[in-house]
Amino acid sequence: MMHFKPSRPTTAFWSAPAATLLFLLLCSVFAWRFREASALVAAEPRSVAPAGELDEDEIATIELFKSASPATVNITSLAQLRRSPFSTDVTETPQGTGSGFIWDEAGHVVTNFHVIRGGSAAWVTLSDQSRWKGTVVGEAPHHDLAVLKIDAPRSSMRPVKVGTSSNLAVGQKVFAIGNPFGLDQTLTTGVISGLGRSIRSLTNHKISDVIQTDAAINPGNSGGPLLDSSGRLIGVNTAIVSPSGAYAGIGFAVPVDVVQHVVPQLIRSGRVSRAGLGILPMSRAWNDRLVERGIGIFEVEPGSAAAEAGLRSAAELEDGRLVFDVILAIDGQEIGRVEDLYDLLDQRKVGDVVSVSLQRAGRTQELQVRLRALE
C-alpha cells in the first residue's frame, strides 16, 4: 500500500506576497515622508516679489491724506443725564458720533449742527489720538453748521486749508476724511457728481448750492471735510441719500462759501445774522382760504424793515372785511409759499435792498425794502 503525505509549501510560494507587502509598506513610508517634507517646505515664507513704482495719482493721494488728515477730528457729543428729578447728580453720557475739522489755531472746530444737537458738550479726538473737551461756541441749525472750542496746545492745531466752491465743476476729484462707523481717519475718494443741489436742514430750511458727490459718505462722516485735489476744503459732508441709511453713491456737502459766511459769525457772536423783512405770514390754512396767489401778511413787527418800508399788518374794517398786504414777488421772483420767501431772503445779506411787489386793496405796488437782521 502506498501512503501519500501532504506536500509542504515551498519557500518560493510565499516569497511573492511577502515581497509585495513589503513594497507597499515601503511606498507608504516614502509617501508619508514626502508629504511631511512638502509640508515643511510650504510652511516657509514666500519670497517677496519686487514692487512696481506707485502711480503719480497714488502718490498725490497719499500726500494729500498726510497733509489734510491732521486737520480732521472725531467728535462724540455728550448729553447730560440726571439720575432722578430730585438729584443734583448730573452725569454726561455719549449721545452720538461724527466728524469735524480744525478751523484755526485758536482751537475752533467746525462740524454739523446735527452731530452735536441736544448735547451739552463734546469730546474732540485729534489725529494724534489726544482727547479734548469741547464747548459749543455757536450753532446755525438752518445751515446745519456748528462751532466747538477746545483748549488744546496751538502746536496741536493743524487748520484745514480753505478753498472756494464758486468754481467747482462736475467730474473733478474730491476726497472725504472722517469717522464712518467709528473708523477714524478714513479716506474715501470720488468725484463731484452734481452741483446746485438743495437739501433741507433739521429745521426744514433749504440749504442751497449743495455739492453732490459719489465719494463714500456714511454715518459718522457728518461734519468732516470734503477736499479738492489740492487738499483744500470745498464742503462739509452733511447728508446721504440711501434707502438703508448707509452709502448708496449719493452724498451731499454744504459748500465752503456758506461755511465762510457762517463760521466767522458763530465765532464772533454765537449765532448767524439772518436778513429778513420782519413779518409774520398768514398760516397756510388762512392763506389758502383768503389769497389767490402770493403770501398774505398777518403781522408786521414794529421797528422792522417791513415797518420802515410801509408794509401793513392785517386789519379788520368796520364792515367786517379783513384787509392785508399780499407779497407777490421779491426782485421779480414770484412767491408762492412761505418757504419760497425764506429761501429767497436767505440769499440776501443784512443791508441789501430788495424790491417787493405786493397787492394792497386790489392794486399792485412796488416797495423798496432795506433788509435788517432778524433776532
Protein backbone atom coordinates (compact mmCIF):
# COMPACT_ATOMS: atom_id res chain seq x y z
CA MET A 1 0.00 0.00 0.00
CA MET A 2 1.31 3.34 -0.91
CA HIS A 3 0.99 6.32 1.53
CA PHE A 4 0.90 9.89 0.31
CA LYS A 5 1.98 12.78 2.59
CA PRO A 6 0.63 16.26 2.07
CA SER A 7 3.17 18.32 0.28
CA ARG A 8 4.69 21.24 2.20
CA PRO A 9 4.55 24.68 0.69
CA THR A 10 7.85 25.69 -0.72
CA THR A 11 9.74 28.94 0.08
CA ALA A 12 9.09 30.23 -3.44
CA PHE A 13 5.30 30.04 -2.92
CA TRP A 14 5.30 32.59 0.00
CA SER A 15 8.03 34.94 -1.25
CA ALA A 16 5.87 36.84 -3.83
CA PRO A 17 3.11 38.03 -1.45
CA ALA A 18 5.66 38.97 1.18
CA ALA A 19 7.65 40.98 -1.27
CA THR A 20 4.52 42.75 -2.46
CA LEU A 21 3.52 43.58 1.10
CA LEU A 22 6.99 44.86 1.88
CA PHE A 23 6.97 47.00 -1.29
CA LEU A 24 3.65 48.58 -0.40
CA LEU A 25 4.84 49.30 3.12
CA LEU A 26 7.96 50.99 1.85
CA CYS A 27 5.91 53.04 -0.60
CA SER A 28 3.62 54.20 2.22
CA VAL A 29 6.58 55.22 4.36
CA PHE A 30 8.16 57.07 1.45
CA ALA A 31 4.91 58.88 0.60
CA TRP A 32 4.41 59.92 4.24
CA ARG A 33 7.97 61.25 4.44
CA PHE A 34 7.47 63.09 1.15
CA ARG A 35 4.25 64.75 2.37
CA GLU A 36 5.97 65.73 5.62
CA ALA A 37 8.87 67.27 3.74
CA SER A 38 6.48 69.09 1.38
CA ALA A 39 4.54 70.49 4.34
CA LEU A 40 7.74 71.82 5.85
CA VAL A 41 8.64 73.50 2.57
CA ALA A 42 5.13 75.03 2.22
CA ALA A 43 5.31 76.45 5.77
CA GLU A 44 8.26 78.60 4.81
CA PRO A 45 7.58 82.29 3.88
CA ARG A 46 7.14 83.03 0.21
CA SER A 47 9.71 85.19 -1.49
CA VAL A 48 8.61 88.82 -1.91
CA ALA A 49 8.02 89.93 -5.48
CA PRO A 50 9.62 93.25 -6.42
CA ALA A 51 7.23 96.23 -6.15
CA GLY A 52 6.42 98.45 -9.06
CA GLU A 53 6.52 102.22 -8.88
CA LEU A 54 3.44 103.98 -7.48
CA ASP A 55 1.41 105.96 -9.97
CA GLU A 56 1.61 109.74 -9.77
CA ASP A 57 -2.07 109.76 -8.89
CA GLU A 58 -1.47 107.38 -5.97
CA ILE A 59 1.43 109.45 -4.71
CA ALA A 60 -0.67 112.61 -4.88
CA THR A 61 -3.49 110.96 -2.90
CA ILE A 62 -1.09 109.70 -0.24
CA GLU A 63 0.47 113.15 0.16
CA LEU A 64 -2.97 114.78 0.30
CA PHE A 65 -4.03 112.49 3.14
CA LYS A 66 -0.80 113.10 5.05
CA SER A 67 -1.31 116.83 4.73
CA ALA A 68 -5.06 117.05 5.41
CA SER A 69 -5.74 114.29 7.94
CA PRO A 70 -4.22 116.17 10.93
CA ALA A 71 -6.97 118.78 10.46
CA THR A 72 -9.73 116.15 10.72
CA VAL A 73 -11.16 115.24 14.13
CA ASN A 74 -13.64 112.78 15.60
CA ILE A 75 -16.48 114.14 17.72
CA THR A 76 -18.54 112.41 20.38
CA SER A 77 -21.38 114.59 21.61
CA LEU A 78 -22.38 114.40 25.27
CA ALA A 79 -25.82 114.71 26.81
CA GLN A 80 -26.50 115.49 30.47
CA LEU A 81 -28.29 112.75 32.39
CA ARG A 82 -29.87 113.43 35.78
CA ARG A 83 -30.23 110.25 37.84
CA SER A 84 -33.53 111.40 39.36
CA PRO A 85 -35.72 114.53 39.37
CA PHE A 86 -34.70 115.15 42.98
CA SER A 87 -30.97 114.69 42.50
CA THR A 88 -28.30 117.25 41.69
CA ASP A 89 -26.03 114.44 40.46
CA VAL A 90 -25.71 115.05 36.73
CA THR A 91 -23.58 112.86 34.51
CA GLU A 92 -22.66 113.26 30.85
CA THR A 93 -23.22 110.30 28.55
CA PRO A 94 -22.25 109.80 24.88
CA GLN A 95 -25.08 110.78 22.55
CA GLY A 96 -23.68 110.43 19.05
CA THR A 97 -20.54 110.50 16.96
CA GLY A 98 -19.42 112.36 13.90
CA SER A 99 -16.53 114.21 12.34
CA GLY A 100 -15.21 117.74 12.18
CA PHE A 101 -12.16 119.75 11.25
CA ILE A 102 -9.87 122.32 12.83
CA TRP A 103 -10.75 125.81 11.64
CA ASP A 104 -7.97 127.88 13.23
CA GLU A 105 -5.06 127.72 15.66
CA ALA A 106 -7.25 129.18 18.42
CA GLY A 107 -8.91 125.76 18.78
CA HIS A 108 -12.17 126.31 16.90
CA VAL A 109 -13.60 123.13 15.39
CA VAL A 110 -16.33 123.07 12.73
CA THR A 111 -18.88 120.28 12.44
CA ASN A 112 -22.54 119.73 11.55
CA PHE A 113 -25.23 121.02 13.86
CA HIS A 114 -26.95 117.63 13.79
CA VAL A 115 -23.79 115.98 15.16
CA ILE A 116 -23.98 117.93 18.44
CA ARG A 117 -27.71 118.72 18.51
CA GLY A 118 -29.08 118.48 22.04
CA GLY A 119 -25.64 117.90 23.50
CA SER A 120 -24.18 119.83 26.43
CA ALA A 121 -20.59 119.39 25.26
CA ALA A 122 -18.45 117.07 23.16
CA TRP A 123 -15.23 115.11 23.21
CA VAL A 124 -12.94 116.01 20.31
CA THR A 125 -10.28 113.46 19.34
CA LEU A 126 -7.39 114.79 17.28
CA SER A 127 -5.42 112.78 14.73
CA ASP A 128 -2.71 112.14 17.37
CA GLN A 129 -5.46 110.42 19.46
CA SER A 130 -5.41 113.08 22.19
CA ARG A 131 -8.90 113.88 23.52
CA TRP A 132 -10.15 117.33 24.49
CA LYS A 133 -13.39 118.56 25.98
CA GLY A 134 -15.14 120.84 23.51
CA THR A 135 -17.62 123.56 24.38
CA VAL A 136 -20.26 124.81 21.97
CA VAL A 137 -19.40 128.30 20.67
CA GLY A 138 -22.28 128.73 18.25
CA GLU A 139 -24.89 126.90 16.21
CA ALA A 140 -26.51 127.57 12.85
CA PRO A 141 -29.31 124.97 12.58
CA HIS A 142 -30.62 126.41 9.29
CA HIS A 143 -27.25 125.73 7.66
CA ASP A 144 -26.52 122.54 9.66
CA LEU A 145 -23.25 124.00 10.97
CA ALA A 146 -21.80 124.43 14.45
CA VAL A 147 -18.53 125.52 16.05
CA LEU A 148 -16.83 123.98 19.09
CA LYS A 149 -13.83 125.28 21.07
CA ILE A 150 -11.09 123.10 22.55
CA ASP A 151 -8.18 124.22 24.74
CA ALA A 152 -5.52 122.11 23.03
CA PRO A 153 -1.96 123.46 22.54
CA ARG A 154 -1.54 125.61 19.45
CA SER A 155 1.15 123.17 18.32
CA SER A 156 -1.58 120.52 18.01
CA MET A 157 -3.77 122.74 15.84
CA ARG A 158 -3.39 121.98 12.13
CA PRO A 159 -6.13 124.05 10.47
CA VAL A 160 -7.60 122.84 7.21
CA LYS A 161 -6.68 124.72 4.05
CA VAL A 162 -9.72 126.62 2.77
CA GLY A 163 -10.76 126.76 -0.86
CA THR A 164 -13.82 128.07 -2.67
CA SER A 165 -16.96 126.40 -4.01
CA SER A 166 -17.72 129.08 -6.61
CA ASN A 167 -15.72 127.48 -9.44
CA LEU A 168 -16.27 123.77 -8.92
CA ALA A 169 -17.00 121.50 -11.89
CA VAL A 170 -18.84 118.20 -12.19
CA GLY A 171 -16.29 115.43 -12.66
CA GLN A 172 -13.42 116.86 -10.64
CA LYS A 173 -11.90 114.65 -7.97
CA VAL A 174 -12.86 115.02 -4.34
CA PHE A 175 -11.67 113.41 -1.12
CA ALA A 176 -13.56 112.88 2.15
CA ILE A 177 -11.91 112.20 5.51
CA GLY A 178 -13.96 111.26 8.54
CA ASN A 179 -15.09 108.75 11.12
CA PRO A 180 -17.58 106.41 9.37
CA PHE A 181 -18.93 103.72 11.69
CA GLY A 182 -16.33 104.75 14.28
CA LEU A 183 -13.38 104.02 11.95
CA ASP A 184 -11.34 107.17 12.49
CA GLN A 185 -9.17 108.85 9.85
CA THR A 186 -10.89 107.05 6.98
CA LEU A 187 -10.24 108.37 3.47
CA THR A 188 -12.75 107.91 0.64
CA THR A 189 -12.46 109.27 -2.87
CA GLY A 190 -14.76 110.12 -5.74
CA VAL A 191 -15.85 112.95 -7.97
CA ILE A 192 -18.31 115.81 -7.87
CA SER A 193 -21.39 114.24 -9.39
CA GLY A 194 -23.70 117.25 -9.21
CA LEU A 195 -23.80 120.94 -8.35
CA GLY A 196 -26.53 123.39 -7.42
CA ARG A 197 -28.46 120.82 -5.41
CA SER A 198 -30.57 121.74 -2.39
CA ILE A 199 -31.34 119.79 0.78
CA ARG A 200 -33.41 120.50 3.87
CA SER A 201 -31.84 121.03 7.28
CA LEU A 202 -33.30 119.68 10.52
CA THR A 203 -35.29 122.90 10.75
CA ASN A 204 -36.76 122.22 7.27
CA HIS A 205 -34.72 125.13 5.98
CA LYS A 206 -33.37 124.86 2.43
CA ILE A 207 -29.59 124.75 2.09
CA SER A 208 -28.81 125.89 -1.45
CA ASP A 209 -25.93 125.17 -3.86
CA VAL A 210 -25.08 121.92 -2.10
CA ILE A 211 -22.31 119.74 -3.59
CA GLN A 212 -23.27 116.20 -4.65
CA THR A 213 -20.52 113.55 -4.61
CA ASP A 214 -20.13 109.82 -5.12
CA ALA A 215 -17.29 109.64 -2.57
CA ALA A 216 -18.46 107.18 0.10
CA ILE A 217 -20.24 109.14 2.84
CA ASN A 218 -21.53 107.00 5.72
CA PRO A 219 -22.89 107.56 9.24
CA GLY A 220 -20.04 109.17 11.16
CA ASN A 221 -18.75 111.13 8.16
CA SER A 222 -21.09 114.02 9.01
CA GLY A 223 -19.17 117.20 9.76
CA GLY A 224 -15.97 116.04 8.10
CA PRO A 225 -14.21 117.89 5.28
CA LEU A 226 -14.73 117.38 1.57
CA LEU A 227 -11.48 118.34 -0.16
CA ASP A 228 -10.37 119.11 -3.69
CA SER A 229 -7.23 117.64 -5.26
CA SER A 230 -5.16 120.42 -3.68
CA GLY A 231 -6.30 119.36 -0.20
CA ARG A 232 -8.44 122.49 0.21
CA LEU A 233 -11.79 122.48 1.99
CA ILE A 234 -14.64 122.82 -0.52
CA GLY A 235 -17.51 121.47 1.58
CA VAL A 236 -18.71 119.92 4.83
CA ASN A 237 -20.08 116.39 4.42
CA THR A 238 -23.65 116.54 5.66
CA ALA A 239 -26.16 114.07 4.25
CA ILE A 240 -26.65 110.97 2.17
CA VAL A 241 -29.45 109.57 0.06
CA SER A 242 -29.86 105.91 0.95
CA PRO A 243 -32.77 103.51 1.48
CA SER A 244 -30.65 101.60 4.04
CA GLY A 245 -29.03 104.55 5.82
CA ALA A 246 -25.57 103.60 4.52
CA TYR A 247 -23.57 104.51 1.41
CA ALA A 248 -25.55 104.33 -1.81
CA GLY A 249 -23.45 106.52 -4.08
CA ILE A 250 -25.05 109.91 -3.37
CA GLY A 251 -23.73 112.20 -0.67
CA PHE A 252 -24.07 115.94 -0.08
CA ALA A 253 -21.79 118.60 1.35
CA VAL A 254 -22.53 122.17 2.48
CA PRO A 255 -20.42 124.40 0.19
CA VAL A 256 -17.41 126.11 1.73
CA ASP A 257 -18.61 129.55 0.62
CA VAL A 258 -21.56 129.10 3.01
CA VAL A 259 -19.13 127.95 5.72
CA GLN A 260 -17.04 131.09 5.17
CA HIS A 261 -20.14 133.20 5.70
CA VAL A 262 -21.48 131.34 8.75
CA VAL A 263 -18.47 130.25 10.83
CA PRO A 264 -16.90 133.68 11.48
CA GLN A 265 -20.29 134.93 12.74
CA LEU A 266 -20.62 131.94 15.06
CA ILE A 267 -17.16 132.59 16.46
CA ARG A 268 -17.88 136.30 16.99
CA SER A 269 -21.39 136.14 18.41
CA GLY A 270 -22.52 132.53 18.64
CA ARG A 271 -25.25 132.99 16.05
CA VAL A 272 -25.82 133.96 12.43
CA SER A 273 -27.42 137.25 11.49
CA ARG A 274 -30.15 136.45 9.02
CA ALA A 275 -31.55 139.10 6.73
CA GLY A 276 -35.31 139.43 6.82
CA LEU A 277 -38.36 141.62 6.37
CA GLY A 278 -39.71 141.26 9.90
CA ILE A 279 -43.17 139.95 9.08
CA LEU A 280 -45.38 137.14 10.34
CA PRO A 281 -47.02 135.46 7.30
CA MET A 282 -50.53 134.10 7.43
CA SER A 283 -50.92 130.44 8.30
CA ARG A 284 -51.17 128.09 5.34
CA ALA A 285 -54.84 127.39 6.07
CA TRP A 286 -55.81 131.08 6.14
CA ASN A 287 -53.61 131.88 3.17
CA ASP A 288 -55.22 129.15 1.06
CA ARG A 289 -58.61 130.49 2.05
CA LEU A 290 -58.07 134.21 1.54
CA VAL A 291 -55.28 134.61 -1.03
CA GLU A 292 -55.39 133.70 -4.70
CA ARG A 293 -51.63 134.00 -5.17
CA GLY A 294 -48.75 135.16 -3.01
CA ILE A 295 -48.25 135.31 0.76
CA GLY A 296 -50.58 137.29 2.98
CA ILE A 297 -49.03 139.35 5.78
CA PHE A 298 -50.67 138.76 9.13
CA GLU A 299 -48.41 141.00 11.22
CA VAL A 300 -45.57 143.45 10.69
CA GLU A 301 -43.10 143.62 13.56
CA PRO A 302 -42.63 147.15 14.95
CA GLY A 303 -39.29 148.67 14.02
CA SER A 304 -38.64 146.04 11.34
CA ALA A 305 -37.55 146.54 7.75
CA ALA A 306 -41.12 145.92 6.60
CA ALA A 307 -42.49 148.50 9.02
CA GLU A 308 -39.98 151.11 7.87
CA ALA A 309 -40.94 150.47 4.22
CA GLY A 310 -44.66 150.82 4.97
CA LEU A 311 -45.91 147.23 4.76
CA ARG A 312 -49.11 146.80 6.81
CA SER A 313 -50.46 144.19 9.20
CA ALA A 314 -53.87 142.65 8.64
CA ALA A 315 -56.69 144.86 9.93
CA GLU A 316 -60.43 144.32 10.23
CA LEU A 317 -62.59 147.16 8.95
CA GLU A 318 -65.95 148.18 10.42
CA ASP A 319 -67.91 146.20 7.86
CA GLY A 320 -66.09 143.03 8.94
CA ARG A 321 -63.90 142.87 5.88
CA LEU A 322 -60.29 141.83 6.53
CA VAL A 323 -57.68 143.81 4.59
CA PHE A 324 -53.99 142.91 4.37
CA ASP A 325 -50.94 143.23 2.15
CA VAL A 326 -50.02 140.26 -0.05
CA ILE A 327 -46.41 139.72 -1.14
CA LEU A 328 -46.44 138.62 -4.80
CA ALA A 329 -42.74 138.70 -5.68
CA ILE A 330 -39.32 139.84 -4.48
CA ASP A 331 -36.83 141.15 -7.02
CA GLY A 332 -39.08 139.78 -9.74
CA GLN A 333 -39.19 136.22 -8.36
CA GLU A 334 -42.71 135.04 -7.63
CA ILE A 335 -43.51 133.94 -4.08
CA GLY A 336 -45.97 131.06 -3.93
CA ARG A 337 -45.22 129.62 -0.49
CA VAL A 338 -43.68 130.80 2.75
CA GLU A 339 -40.72 128.53 2.02
CA ASP A 340 -40.12 130.45 -1.23
CA LEU A 341 -39.94 133.69 0.76
CA TYR A 342 -37.44 132.33 3.27
CA ASP A 343 -35.32 130.63 0.61
CA LEU A 344 -35.02 133.84 -1.37
CA LEU A 345 -34.20 136.01 1.64
CA ASP A 346 -31.50 133.54 2.70
CA GLN A 347 -29.62 134.52 -0.43
CA ARG A 348 -29.57 138.16 0.69
CA LYS A 349 -27.44 139.90 3.31
CA VAL A 350 -28.32 142.38 6.03
CA GLY A 351 -28.42 145.83 4.41
CA ASP A 352 -29.41 144.60 0.95
CA VAL A 353 -32.29 146.48 -0.69
CA VAL A 354 -34.96 144.31 -2.30
CA SER A 355 -37.92 145.24 -4.47
CA VAL A 356 -41.15 143.86 -3.01
CA SER A 357 -44.17 143.50 -5.30
CA LEU A 358 -47.35 143.45 -3.24
CA GLN A 359 -51.05 143.66 -3.63
CA ARG A 360 -52.95 146.13 -1.46
CA ALA A 361 -56.69 146.70 -1.73
CA GLY A 362 -56.74 145.11 -5.17
CA ARG A 363 -53.89 147.22 -6.55
CA THR A 364 -50.28 146.15 -7.20
CA GLN A 365 -47.44 148.22 -5.72
CA GLU A 366 -43.64 148.11 -5.66
CA LEU A 367 -41.82 148.96 -2.41
CA GLN A 368 -38.09 149.12 -1.77
CA VAL A 369 -37.15 147.43 1.50
CA ARG A 370 -33.71 147.51 3.17
CA LEU A 371 -33.29 144.17 4.94
CA ARG A 372 -32.45 144.09 8.63
CA ALA A 373 -31.05 141.41 10.88
CA LEU A 374 -33.60 139.12 12.44
CA GLU A 375 -33.36 138.49 16.16
